[in-house]
Amino acid sequence: MRAIAGSDQLSVVTLPDPEPGSDEVVIDVAAAGVNRADLLQRKGLYPPPPGAVDTLGLEVSGRVSAVGDHVSAWHVGDEVCALLAGGGYAEKVAVPAVQVLPKPAAVDLVSAAALPEVACTVASNVFDVGHLQPGELLLVHGGSSGIGTHAIQLAHAVGARVAVTARNSTKLERCRELGADILIDYTSDDFVEVIRESGGADVVLDIMGAKYLEQNVKALNTGGRLVIIGMQGGVKAELSIGALMTKRASVFGTTLRARPVTGTGSKAEVVETTRRLTWPRIDAGEVSPVIDSTFPLAEAGAAHERLDSGDAIGKVLLTLD
């Protein structure tokens, strides 16, 4: 099969076709999502977890072409999408059956590749960890990203208010179209001031890490929850314990890729939560994948450049012939 080598210079290589383990399925890939984790892995900054393949790619869509001996939930020919620990930039990928989701009826097979990573990230962090409730205010940093565009729609669908940060009017206008209530241009606005004027954030979904830690805590409402899922702004910062205690607030740090396949806190649990919480919203037309651009597999480097530029709104995908 064709695949993209995960070296600094991305290139198409030939690898053996994968065989399913007893609890796995093999998917003939229609499309793969491109994520910032792929860019980091390419630079040697985010190695795959033990046991995962070195090939890039954390999510795919496609058709099941083989199933393991212990798999009964999926059958050859099923149209699916899946959350991966790696291996998505390829014509075929083997994945634990518990990490597979059905392709929503309202979404075409290629576009379904834009769902697993963002849907699982939002369901597990905004709702399982952050416990966002109807009527509460969610602040999403990077509102025009793949995660951001999905979080806006899902939070809006459950009756929460949504504030977003983004860097220009084009991105903010798209966020408004998706359901964002409060638009903050982080190049000119003080998001803490804006959020405080809006009553404080009950949940903050943060991709910046250290750079925004102090400001995020200031923006929290009493009882607020800060969920950190990225470190684009660094890994170390000082935290005022007094400010946290005064607000009875909580700070959580989570990751998805390194979770075990099964058990407490596993990918299997996250996928099941996502299927229960998010898939009915997609079927109802309340949540849809937002696609910025698609590139053929051989142009993975160009896809990375598009994502790295910061100009993308929504997901960047790689498609298979």
C-alpha atoms as a PDB file:
ATOM      1  CA  MET A   1       0.000   0.000   0.000  1.00  0.00           C
ATOM      2  CA  ARG A   2       0.999   3.648  -0.413  1.00  0.00           C
ATOM      3  CA  ALA A   3       1.696   5.675   2.719  1.00  0.00           C
ATOM      4  CA  ILE A   4       3.427   8.886   3.736  1.00  0.00           C
ATOM      5  CA  ALA A   5       6.711   8.477   5.564  1.00  0.00           C
ATOM      6  CA  GLY A   6       6.737  10.551   8.742  1.00  0.00           C
ATOM      7  CA  SER A   7      10.142  12.119   8.158  1.00  0.00           C
ATOM      8  CA  ASP A   8      10.867  15.822   7.843  1.00  0.00           C
ATOM      9  CA  GLN A   9      10.656  15.496   4.066  1.00  0.00           C
ATOM     10  CA  LEU A  10       7.274  13.875   3.495  1.00  0.00           C
ATOM     11  CA  SER A  11       7.304  11.333   0.674  1.00  0.00           C
ATOM     12  CA  VAL A  12       5.142   8.499  -0.613  1.00  0.00           C
ATOM     13  CA  VAL A  13       6.483   5.057   0.256  1.00  0.00           C
ATOM     14  CA  THR A  14       5.257   1.483  -0.178  1.00  0.00           C
ATOM     15  CA  LEU A  15       4.435  -0.498   2.965  1.00  0.00           C
ATOM     16  CA  PRO A  16       2.926  -3.956   3.535  1.00  0.00           C
ATOM     17  CA  ASP A  17      -0.852  -4.043   3.821  1.00  0.00           C
ATOM     18  CA  PRO A  18      -1.919  -4.219   7.483  1.00  0.00           C
ATOM     19  CA  GLU A  19      -3.645  -7.298   8.873  1.00  0.00           C
ATOM     20  CA  PRO A  20      -6.283  -6.923  11.577  1.00  0.00           C
ATOM     21  CA  GLY A  21      -5.550  -8.136  15.092  1.00  0.00           C
ATOM     22  CA  SER A  22      -8.259 -10.133  16.788  1.00  0.00           C
ATOM     23  CA  ASP A  23      -9.941  -6.963  18.114  1.00  0.00           C
ATOM     24  CA  GLU A  24      -9.194  -4.749  15.106  1.00  0.00           C
ATOM     25  CA  VAL A  25     -10.620  -3.832  11.740  1.00  0.00           C
ATOM     26  CA  VAL A  26      -8.786  -2.756   8.592  1.00  0.00           C
ATOM     27  CA  ILE A  27     -10.145   0.350   6.876  1.00  0.00           C
ATOM     28  CA  ASP A  28      -9.594   1.190   3.210  1.00  0.00           C
ATOM     29  CA  VAL A  29      -8.964   4.895   3.655  1.00  0.00           C
ATOM     30  CA  ALA A  30     -11.017   7.469   1.756  1.00  0.00           C
ATOM     31  CA  ALA A  31      -9.560  10.488   3.555  1.00  0.00           C
ATOM     32  CA  ALA A  32      -7.383  11.373   6.528  1.00  0.00           C
ATOM     33  CA  GLY A  33      -7.523  14.399   8.775  1.00  0.00           C
ATOM     34  CA  VAL A  34      -4.469  16.624   9.168  1.00  0.00           C
ATOM     35  CA  ASN A  35      -3.767  17.757  12.737  1.00  0.00           C
ATOM     36  CA  ARG A  36      -1.175  19.896  14.471  1.00  0.00           C
ATOM     37  CA  ALA A  37       0.039  16.761  16.219  1.00  0.00           C
ATOM     38  CA  ASP A  38       1.152  15.524  12.784  1.00  0.00           C
ATOM     39  CA  LEU A  39       3.220  18.674  12.266  1.00  0.00           C
ATOM     40  CA  LEU A  40       4.835  18.203  15.675  1.00  0.00           C
ATOM     41  CA  GLN A  41       5.546  14.518  15.060  1.00  0.00           C
ATOM     42  CA  ARG A  42       7.141  15.388  11.734  1.00  0.00           C
ATOM     43  CA  LYS A  43       9.540  17.701  13.611  1.00  0.00           C
ATOM     44  CA  GLY A  44      10.368  14.997  16.157  1.00  0.00           C
ATOM     45  CA  LEU A  45       8.489  16.800  18.949  1.00  0.00           C
ATOM     46  CA  TYR A  46       5.538  14.434  19.416  1.00  0.00           C
ATOM     47  CA  PRO A  47       6.502  10.772  19.086  1.00  0.00           C
ATOM     48  CA  PRO A  48       3.739   8.178  18.752  1.00  0.00           C
ATOM     49  CA  PRO A  49       2.800   6.267  21.904  1.00  0.00           C
ATOM     50  CA  PRO A  50       4.385   2.850  22.476  1.00  0.00           C
ATOM     51  CA  GLY A  51       3.084   0.264  20.038  1.00  0.00           C
ATOM     52  CA  ALA A  52       1.707   2.775  17.534  1.00  0.00           C
ATOM     53  CA  VAL A  53       2.972   2.911  13.958  1.00  0.00           C
ATOM     54  CA  ASP A  54       5.314   5.729  12.924  1.00  0.00           C
ATOM     55  CA  THR A  55       3.163   6.766   9.956  1.00  0.00           C
ATOM     56  CA  LEU A  56       1.397  10.084  10.536  1.00  0.00           C
ATOM     57  CA  GLY A  57      -2.371  10.456  10.803  1.00  0.00           C
ATOM     58  CA  LEU A  58      -4.741  10.425  13.793  1.00  0.00           C
ATOM     59  CA  GLU A  59      -8.105  10.039  12.033  1.00  0.00           C
ATOM     60  CA  VAL A  60      -9.536   8.574   8.844  1.00  0.00           C
ATOM     61  CA  SER A  61     -12.730   7.746   7.040  1.00  0.00           C
ATOM     62  CA  GLY A  62     -13.291   4.839   4.686  1.00  0.00           C
ATOM     63  CA  ARG A  63     -14.736   1.351   4.301  1.00  0.00           C
ATOM     64  CA  VAL A  64     -14.058  -1.695   6.425  1.00  0.00           C
ATOM     65  CA  SER A  65     -12.176  -4.275   4.340  1.00  0.00           C
ATOM     66  CA  ALA A  66     -11.265  -6.864   7.008  1.00  0.00           C
ATOM     67  CA  VAL A  67     -12.287  -7.657  10.581  1.00  0.00           C
ATOM     68  CA  GLY A  68     -10.545  -9.517  13.394  1.00  0.00           C
ATOM     69  CA  ASP A  69     -11.798 -12.789  14.836  1.00  0.00           C
ATOM     70  CA  HIS A  70     -13.273 -11.133  17.950  1.00  0.00           C
ATOM     71  CA  VAL A  71     -15.025  -8.271  16.154  1.00  0.00           C
ATOM     72  CA  SER A  72     -18.799  -8.448  15.773  1.00  0.00           C
ATOM     73  CA  ALA A  73     -19.831  -4.773  15.689  1.00  0.00           C
ATOM     74  CA  TRP A  74     -18.363  -4.074  12.231  1.00  0.00           C
ATOM     75  CA  HIS A  75     -18.551  -5.859   8.896  1.00  0.00           C
ATOM     76  CA  VAL A  76     -16.759  -5.703   5.583  1.00  0.00           C
ATOM     77  CA  GLY A  77     -18.204  -2.844   3.536  1.00  0.00           C
ATOM     78  CA  ASP A  78     -19.310  -0.676   6.468  1.00  0.00           C
ATOM     79  CA  GLU A  79     -18.662   3.024   5.912  1.00  0.00           C
ATOM     80  CA  VAL A  80     -16.913   4.378   8.982  1.00  0.00           C
ATOM     81  CA  CYS A  81     -14.535   6.924  10.463  1.00  0.00           C
ATOM     82  CA  ALA A  82     -12.017   6.209  13.183  1.00  0.00           C
ATOM     83  CA  LEU A  83      -9.776   7.707  15.847  1.00  0.00           C
ATOM     84  CA  LEU A  84      -6.179   6.500  15.536  1.00  0.00           C
ATOM     85  CA  ALA A  85      -2.936   6.534  17.485  1.00  0.00           C
ATOM     86  CA  GLY A  86      -1.204   6.846  14.098  1.00  0.00           C
ATOM     87  CA  GLY A  87      -1.132   5.439  10.589  1.00  0.00           C
ATOM     88  CA  GLY A  88      -3.843   7.457   8.850  1.00  0.00           C
ATOM     89  CA  TYR A  89      -1.725   8.811   5.987  1.00  0.00           C
ATOM     90  CA  ALA A  90      -2.037   5.549   4.081  1.00  0.00           C
ATOM     91  CA  GLU A  91      -4.307   3.588   1.787  1.00  0.00           C
ATOM     92  CA  LYS A  92      -5.167   1.144   4.579  1.00  0.00           C
ATOM     93  CA  VAL A  93      -4.990   1.242   8.353  1.00  0.00           C
ATOM     94  CA  ALA A  94      -5.636  -1.275  11.138  1.00  0.00           C
ATOM     95  CA  VAL A  95      -7.458   0.183  14.139  1.00  0.00           C
ATOM     96  CA  PRO A  96      -9.047  -1.208  17.323  1.00  0.00           C
ATOM     97  CA  ALA A  97     -12.726  -1.781  16.656  1.00  0.00           C
ATOM     98  CA  VAL A  98     -13.694   0.238  19.741  1.00  0.00           C
ATOM     99  CA  GLN A  99     -12.173   3.357  18.135  1.00  0.00           C
ATOM    100  CA  VAL A 100     -14.419   3.162  15.071  1.00  0.00           C
ATOM    101  CA  LEU A 101     -17.557   5.261  14.530  1.00  0.00           C
ATOM    102  CA  PRO A 102     -20.243   4.885  11.861  1.00  0.00           C
ATOM    103  CA  LYS A 103     -20.220   7.441   9.062  1.00  0.00           C
ATOM    104  CA  PRO A 104     -23.141   9.773   9.792  1.00  0.00           C
ATOM    105  CA  ALA A 105     -25.839   9.520   7.129  1.00  0.00           C
ATOM    106  CA  ALA A 106     -25.795  13.275   6.520  1.00  0.00           C
ATOM    107  CA  VAL A 107     -22.034  13.419   5.895  1.00  0.00           C
ATOM    108  CA  ASP A 108     -20.189  12.213   2.791  1.00  0.00           C
ATOM    109  CA  LEU A 109     -17.407   9.680   3.238  1.00  0.00           C
ATOM    110  CA  VAL A 110     -14.512  12.089   2.630  1.00  0.00           C
ATOM    111  CA  SER A 111     -15.873  14.770   4.951  1.00  0.00           C
ATOM    112  CA  ALA A 112     -16.348  12.186   7.706  1.00  0.00           C
ATOM    113  CA  ALA A 113     -12.550  12.144   8.119  1.00  0.00           C
ATOM    114  CA  ALA A 114     -12.875  15.607   9.671  1.00  0.00           C
ATOM    115  CA  LEU A 115     -14.914  14.284  12.600  1.00  0.00           C
ATOM    116  CA  PRO A 116     -13.155  11.748  14.860  1.00  0.00           C
ATOM    117  CA  GLU A 117     -10.372  13.847  16.380  1.00  0.00           C
ATOM    118  CA  VAL A 118     -12.377  17.045  16.874  1.00  0.00           C
ATOM    119  CA  ALA A 119     -15.564  15.307  17.975  1.00  0.00           C
ATOM    120  CA  CYS A 120     -13.760  13.134  20.517  1.00  0.00           C
ATOM    121  CA  THR A 121     -11.729  16.091  21.775  1.00  0.00           C
ATOM    122  CA  VAL A 122     -14.780  18.291  22.284  1.00  0.00           C
ATOM    123  CA  ALA A 123     -17.031  15.613  23.762  1.00  0.00           C
ATOM    124  CA  SER A 124     -14.407  14.433  26.245  1.00  0.00           C
ATOM    125  CA  ASN A 125     -13.064  17.839  27.272  1.00  0.00           C
ATOM    126  CA  VAL A 126     -15.950  20.294  27.068  1.00  0.00           C
ATOM    127  CA  PHE A 127     -18.587  17.900  28.365  1.00  0.00           C
ATOM    128  CA  ASP A 128     -16.977  14.973  30.219  1.00  0.00           C
ATOM    129  CA  VAL A 129     -14.287  17.076  31.906  1.00  0.00           C
ATOM    130  CA  GLY A 130     -15.718  20.592  31.692  1.00  0.00           C
ATOM    131  CA  HIS A 131     -19.337  19.563  32.368  1.00  0.00           C
ATOM    132  CA  LEU A 132     -20.707  22.374  30.208  1.00  0.00           C
ATOM    133  CA  GLN A 133     -24.407  22.949  30.903  1.00  0.00           C
ATOM    134  CA  PRO A 134     -27.178  24.733  28.962  1.00  0.00           C
ATOM    135  CA  GLY A 135     -27.072  28.460  29.633  1.00  0.00           C
ATOM    136  CA  GLU A 136     -23.411  28.472  30.636  1.00  0.00           C
ATOM    137  CA  LEU A 137     -20.695  30.377  28.761  1.00  0.00           C
ATOM    138  CA  LEU A 138     -17.983  28.455  26.927  1.00  0.00           C
ATOM    139  CA  LEU A 139     -14.843  30.324  25.825  1.00  0.00           C
ATOM    140  CA  VAL A 140     -13.036  28.634  22.931  1.00  0.00           C
ATOM    141  CA  HIS A 141      -9.560  29.800  21.999  1.00  0.00           C
ATOM    142  CA  GLY A 142      -8.873  29.310  18.305  1.00  0.00           C
ATOM    143  CA  GLY A 143     -12.537  29.358  17.378  1.00  0.00           C
ATOM    144  CA  SER A 144     -11.920  28.942  13.647  1.00  0.00           C
ATOM    145  CA  SER A 145      -9.821  25.781  14.033  1.00  0.00           C
ATOM    146  CA  GLY A 146     -11.180  22.303  13.448  1.00  0.00           C
ATOM    147  CA  ILE A 147     -11.735  21.824  17.170  1.00  0.00           C
ATOM    148  CA  GLY A 148     -13.089  25.344  17.549  1.00  0.00           C
ATOM    149  CA  THR A 149     -15.639  25.136  14.733  1.00  0.00           C
ATOM    150  CA  HIS A 150     -16.908  21.841  16.124  1.00  0.00           C
ATOM    151  CA  ALA A 151     -17.034  23.097  19.728  1.00  0.00           C
ATOM    152  CA  ILE A 152     -19.060  26.156  18.693  1.00  0.00           C
ATOM    153  CA  GLN A 153     -21.693  24.047  16.978  1.00  0.00           C
ATOM    154  CA  LEU A 154     -22.035  21.408  19.678  1.00  0.00           C
ATOM    155  CA  ALA A 155     -22.129  23.884  22.564  1.00  0.00           C
ATOM    156  CA  HIS A 156     -24.692  26.010  20.702  1.00  0.00           C
ATOM    157  CA  ALA A 157     -26.779  22.906  20.001  1.00  0.00           C
ATOM    158  CA  VAL A 158     -27.018  22.027  23.689  1.00  0.00           C
ATOM    159  CA  GLY A 159     -28.059  25.554  24.637  1.00  0.00           C
ATOM    160  CA  ALA A 160     -24.813  27.052  25.921  1.00  0.00           C
ATOM    161  CA  ARG A 161     -23.495  30.497  24.998  1.00  0.00           C
ATOM    162  CA  VAL A 162     -20.198  30.541  23.120  1.00  0.00           C
ATOM    163  CA  ALA A 163     -17.366  33.073  23.047  1.00  0.00           C
ATOM    164  CA  VAL A 164     -14.422  32.634  20.695  1.00  0.00           C
ATOM    165  CA  THR A 165     -11.046  34.176  20.053  1.00  0.00           C
ATOM    166  CA  ALA A 166      -9.614  34.415  16.550  1.00  0.00           C
ATOM    167  CA  ARG A 167      -7.213  36.718  14.755  1.00  0.00           C
ATOM    168  CA  ASN A 168      -9.288  38.490  12.109  1.00  0.00           C
ATOM    169  CA  SER A 169     -12.795  39.441  11.019  1.00  0.00           C
ATOM    170  CA  THR A 170     -13.037  36.685   8.393  1.00  0.00           C
ATOM    171  CA  LYS A 171     -12.435  33.974  10.960  1.00  0.00           C
ATOM    172  CA  LEU A 172     -14.724  35.609  13.502  1.00  0.00           C
ATOM    173  CA  GLU A 173     -17.542  35.983  10.991  1.00  0.00           C
ATOM    174  CA  ARG A 174     -17.381  32.266  10.217  1.00  0.00           C
ATOM    175  CA  CYS A 175     -17.536  31.541  13.941  1.00  0.00           C
ATOM    176  CA  ARG A 176     -20.624  33.734  14.195  1.00  0.00           C
ATOM    177  CA  GLU A 177     -22.274  31.802  11.348  1.00  0.00           C
ATOM    178  CA  LEU A 178     -21.635  28.574  13.252  1.00  0.00           C
ATOM    179  CA  GLY A 179     -23.327  29.879  16.405  1.00  0.00           C
ATOM    180  CA  ALA A 180     -20.764  31.887  18.379  1.00  0.00           C
ATOM    181  CA  ASP A 181     -22.336  34.656  20.465  1.00  0.00           C
ATOM    182  CA  ILE A 182     -19.258  36.661  21.515  1.00  0.00           C
ATOM    183  CA  LEU A 183     -16.485  37.390  19.004  1.00  0.00           C
ATOM    184  CA  ILE A 184     -13.037  38.431  20.240  1.00  0.00           C
ATOM    185  CA  ASP A 185     -10.182  39.489  17.972  1.00  0.00           C
ATOM    186  CA  TYR A 186      -7.186  38.548  20.084  1.00  0.00           C
ATOM    187  CA  THR A 187      -4.915  40.898  18.117  1.00  0.00           C
ATOM    188  CA  SER A 188      -6.793  43.954  19.381  1.00  0.00           C
ATOM    189  CA  ASP A 189      -9.205  42.937  22.161  1.00  0.00           C
ATOM    190  CA  ASP A 190      -8.530  41.951  25.772  1.00  0.00           C
ATOM    191  CA  PHE A 191     -10.417  38.673  26.007  1.00  0.00           C
ATOM    192  CA  VAL A 192     -10.436  38.777  29.812  1.00  0.00           C
ATOM    193  CA  GLU A 193     -12.187  42.137  29.815  1.00  0.00           C
ATOM    194  CA  VAL A 194     -14.721  41.028  27.205  1.00  0.00           C
ATOM    195  CA  ILE A 195     -15.504  37.786  29.036  1.00  0.00           C
ATOM    196  CA  ARG A 196     -15.819  39.504  32.399  1.00  0.00           C
ATOM    197  CA  GLU A 197     -18.292  41.968  30.883  1.00  0.00           C
ATOM    198  CA  SER A 198     -20.274  38.927  29.715  1.00  0.00           C
ATOM    199  CA  GLY A 199     -20.450  37.445  33.214  1.00  0.00           C
ATOM    200  CA  GLY A 200     -17.359  35.232  33.192  1.00  0.00           C
ATOM    201  CA  ALA A 201     -16.653  31.931  31.467  1.00  0.00           C
ATOM    202  CA  ASP A 202     -17.977  28.746  33.008  1.00  0.00           C
ATOM    203  CA  VAL A 203     -15.735  26.582  30.798  1.00  0.00           C
ATOM    204  CA  VAL A 204     -12.588  27.586  28.890  1.00  0.00           C
ATOM    205  CA  LEU A 205     -11.242  25.269  26.184  1.00  0.00           C
ATOM    206  CA  ASP A 206      -7.612  26.309  25.795  1.00  0.00           C
ATOM    207  CA  ILE A 207      -4.981  25.383  23.199  1.00  0.00           C
ATOM    208  CA  MET A 208      -2.345  27.909  24.314  1.00  0.00           C
ATOM    209  CA  GLY A 209      -1.199  26.541  27.653  1.00  0.00           C
ATOM    210  CA  ALA A 210       1.316  28.663  29.558  1.00  0.00           C
ATOM    211  CA  LYS A 211       0.812  31.923  27.664  1.00  0.00           C
ATOM    212  CA  TYR A 212      -2.866  32.190  28.588  1.00  0.00           C
ATOM    213  CA  LEU A 213      -2.908  30.474  31.988  1.00  0.00           C
ATOM    214  CA  GLU A 214      -3.150  33.602  34.167  1.00  0.00           C
ATOM    215  CA  GLN A 215      -5.622  35.307  31.831  1.00  0.00           C
ATOM    216  CA  ASN A 216      -7.798  32.218  31.559  1.00  0.00           C
ATOM    217  CA  VAL A 217      -8.110  31.950  35.327  1.00  0.00           C
ATOM    218  CA  LYS A 218      -9.029  35.644  35.496  1.00  0.00           C
ATOM    219  CA  ALA A 219     -11.730  35.063  32.867  1.00  0.00           C
ATOM    220  CA  LEU A 220     -13.346  32.193  34.783  1.00  0.00           C
ATOM    221  CA  ASN A 221     -16.631  32.590  36.587  1.00  0.00           C
ATOM    222  CA  THR A 222     -17.042  31.305  40.132  1.00  0.00           C
ATOM    223  CA  GLY A 223     -16.908  27.534  39.871  1.00  0.00           C
ATOM    224  CA  GLY A 224     -15.417  27.772  36.392  1.00  0.00           C
ATOM    225  CA  ARG A 225     -13.444  25.011  34.689  1.00  0.00           C
ATOM    226  CA  LEU A 226     -10.318  25.596  32.599  1.00  0.00           C
ATOM    227  CA  VAL A 227      -9.502  22.657  30.308  1.00  0.00           C
ATOM    228  CA  ILE A 228      -6.073  22.822  28.669  1.00  0.00           C
ATOM    229  CA  ILE A 229      -5.632  20.653  25.566  1.00  0.00           C
ATOM    230  CA  GLY A 230      -2.650  22.309  23.885  1.00  0.00           C
ATOM    231  CA  MET A 231       0.663  24.012  24.553  1.00  0.00           C
ATOM    232  CA  GLN A 232       1.066  26.328  21.575  1.00  0.00           C
ATOM    233  CA  GLY A 233       1.941  29.110  24.012  1.00  0.00           C
ATOM    234  CA  GLY A 234       4.446  27.173  26.111  1.00  0.00           C
ATOM    235  CA  VAL A 235       4.526  24.589  28.883  1.00  0.00           C
ATOM    236  CA  LYS A 236       5.418  26.504  32.063  1.00  0.00           C
ATOM    237  CA  ALA A 237       3.652  29.383  33.812  1.00  0.00           C
ATOM    238  CA  GLU A 238       2.878  30.568  37.333  1.00  0.00           C
ATOM    239  CA  LEU A 239      -0.586  29.903  38.708  1.00  0.00           C
ATOM    240  CA  SER A 240      -2.151  31.995  41.460  1.00  0.00           C
ATOM    241  CA  ILE A 241      -3.558  29.412  43.851  1.00  0.00           C
ATOM    242  CA  GLY A 242      -5.331  32.220  45.687  1.00  0.00           C
ATOM    243  CA  ALA A 243      -7.211  33.281  42.574  1.00  0.00           C
ATOM    244  CA  LEU A 244      -8.163  29.690  41.904  1.00  0.00           C
ATOM    245  CA  MET A 245      -9.400  29.125  45.454  1.00  0.00           C
ATOM    246  CA  THR A 246     -11.331  32.385  45.579  1.00  0.00           C
ATOM    247  CA  LYS A 247     -13.258  31.375  42.477  1.00  0.00           C
ATOM    248  CA  ARG A 248     -13.550  27.725  43.548  1.00  0.00           C
ATOM    249  CA  ALA A 249     -12.298  27.042  40.036  1.00  0.00           C
ATOM    250  CA  SER A 250     -10.612  24.002  38.519  1.00  0.00           C
ATOM    251  CA  VAL A 251      -7.792  23.541  36.012  1.00  0.00           C
ATOM    252  CA  PHE A 252      -7.560  20.341  33.976  1.00  0.00           C
ATOM    253  CA  GLY A 253      -4.935  19.163  31.528  1.00  0.00           C
ATOM    254  CA  THR A 254      -5.806  16.346  29.148  1.00  0.00           C
ATOM    255  CA  THR A 255      -4.535  14.491  26.115  1.00  0.00           C
ATOM    256  CA  LEU A 256      -6.210  12.041  23.759  1.00  0.00           C
ATOM    257  CA  ARG A 257      -3.569  10.189  21.772  1.00  0.00           C
ATOM    258  CA  ALA A 258      -1.751   8.620  24.720  1.00  0.00           C
ATOM    259  CA  ARG A 259      -4.888   7.170  26.344  1.00  0.00           C
ATOM    260  CA  PRO A 260      -5.133   3.372  26.504  1.00  0.00           C
ATOM    261  CA  VAL A 261      -7.411   1.616  24.038  1.00  0.00           C
ATOM    262  CA  THR A 262      -9.750   0.226  26.703  1.00  0.00           C
ATOM    263  CA  GLY A 263     -10.399   0.693  30.418  1.00  0.00           C
ATOM    264  CA  THR A 264     -10.996   3.746  32.575  1.00  0.00           C
ATOM    265  CA  GLY A 265     -10.277   6.986  30.725  1.00  0.00           C
ATOM    266  CA  SER A 266      -9.626   5.094  27.500  1.00  0.00           C
ATOM    267  CA  LYS A 267     -10.158   5.913  23.854  1.00  0.00           C
ATOM    268  CA  ALA A 268     -12.996   3.385  23.881  1.00  0.00           C
ATOM    269  CA  GLU A 269     -14.805   5.421  26.545  1.00  0.00           C
ATOM    270  CA  VAL A 270     -14.222   8.676  24.684  1.00  0.00           C
ATOM    271  CA  VAL A 271     -15.487   7.217  21.400  1.00  0.00           C
ATOM    272  CA  GLU A 272     -18.603   5.854  23.088  1.00  0.00           C
ATOM    273  CA  THR A 273     -19.298   9.222  24.743  1.00  0.00           C
ATOM    274  CA  THR A 274     -18.841  10.933  21.378  1.00  0.00           C
ATOM    275  CA  ARG A 275     -21.196   8.541  19.622  1.00  0.00           C
ATOM    276  CA  ARG A 276     -23.857   9.065  22.282  1.00  0.00           C
ATOM    277  CA  LEU A 277     -23.500  12.834  22.630  1.00  0.00           C
ATOM    278  CA  THR A 278     -22.473  14.088  19.206  1.00  0.00           C
ATOM    279  CA  TRP A 279     -23.676  11.669  16.526  1.00  0.00           C
ATOM    280  CA  PRO A 280     -27.398  12.419  17.111  1.00  0.00           C
ATOM    281  CA  ARG A 281     -26.603  16.128  16.713  1.00  0.00           C
ATOM    282  CA  ILE A 282     -24.875  15.424  13.403  1.00  0.00           C
ATOM    283  CA  ASP A 283     -27.794  13.287  12.239  1.00  0.00           C
ATOM    284  CA  ALA A 284     -30.147  16.154  13.154  1.00  0.00           C
ATOM    285  CA  GLY A 285     -28.104  18.645  11.124  1.00  0.00           C
ATOM    286  CA  GLU A 286     -27.131  20.688  14.196  1.00  0.00           C
ATOM    287  CA  VAL A 287     -23.416  19.873  13.843  1.00  0.00           C
ATOM    288  CA  SER A 288     -21.490  19.466  10.581  1.00  0.00           C
ATOM    289  CA  PRO A 289     -17.819  19.024   9.704  1.00  0.00           C
ATOM    290  CA  VAL A 290     -16.206  22.260   8.565  1.00  0.00           C
ATOM    291  CA  ILE A 291     -13.725  21.587   5.751  1.00  0.00           C
ATOM    292  CA  ASP A 292     -11.140  24.202   4.848  1.00  0.00           C
ATOM    293  CA  SER A 293      -9.376  22.337   2.038  1.00  0.00           C
ATOM    294  CA  THR A 294      -8.460  18.914   0.686  1.00  0.00           C
ATOM    295  CA  PHE A 295      -5.201  17.672  -0.822  1.00  0.00           C
ATOM    296  CA  PRO A 296      -4.276  14.362  -2.455  1.00  0.00           C
ATOM    297  CA  LEU A 297      -2.118  12.051  -0.340  1.00  0.00           C
ATOM    298  CA  ALA A 298       0.989  12.829  -2.368  1.00  0.00           C
ATOM    299  CA  GLU A 299       0.632  16.519  -1.465  1.00  0.00           C
ATOM    300  CA  ALA A 300       0.757  15.981   2.297  1.00  0.00           C
ATOM    301  CA  GLY A 301       3.492  18.585   2.558  1.00  0.00           C
ATOM    302  CA  ALA A 302       1.230  21.233   1.039  1.00  0.00           C
ATOM    303  CA  ALA A 303      -1.555  20.208   3.422  1.00  0.00           C
ATOM    304  CA  HIS A 304       0.826  20.707   6.349  1.00  0.00           C
ATOM    305  CA  GLU A 305       1.783  24.133   5.031  1.00  0.00           C
ATOM    306  CA  ARG A 306      -1.884  25.100   4.822  1.00  0.00           C
ATOM    307  CA  LEU A 307      -2.541  24.087   8.425  1.00  0.00           C
ATOM    308  CA  ASP A 308       0.692  25.632   9.677  1.00  0.00           C
ATOM    309  CA  SER A 309      -0.106  28.954   7.976  1.00  0.00           C
ATOM    310  CA  GLY A 310      -2.870  29.661  10.475  1.00  0.00           C
ATOM    311  CA  ASP A 311      -5.180  30.698   7.649  1.00  0.00           C
ATOM    312  CA  ALA A 312      -7.309  27.557   7.599  1.00  0.00           C
ATOM    313  CA  ILE A 313     -10.889  27.695   8.831  1.00  0.00           C
ATOM    314  CA  GLY A 314     -11.936  24.214   9.870  1.00  0.00           C
ATOM    315  CA  LYS A 315     -10.208  20.995   8.883  1.00  0.00           C
ATOM    316  CA  VAL A 316      -7.570  20.189   6.279  1.00  0.00           C
ATOM    317  CA  LEU A 317      -7.922  16.719   4.744  1.00  0.00           C
ATOM    318  CA  LEU A 318      -5.865  14.322   2.637  1.00  0.00           C
ATOM    319  CA  THR A 319      -7.806  12.283   0.099  1.00  0.00           C
ATOM    320  CA  LEU A 320      -7.021   8.882  -1.421  1.00  0.00           C
ATOM    321  CA  ASP A 321      -7.550   8.084  -5.096  1.00  0.00           C
END
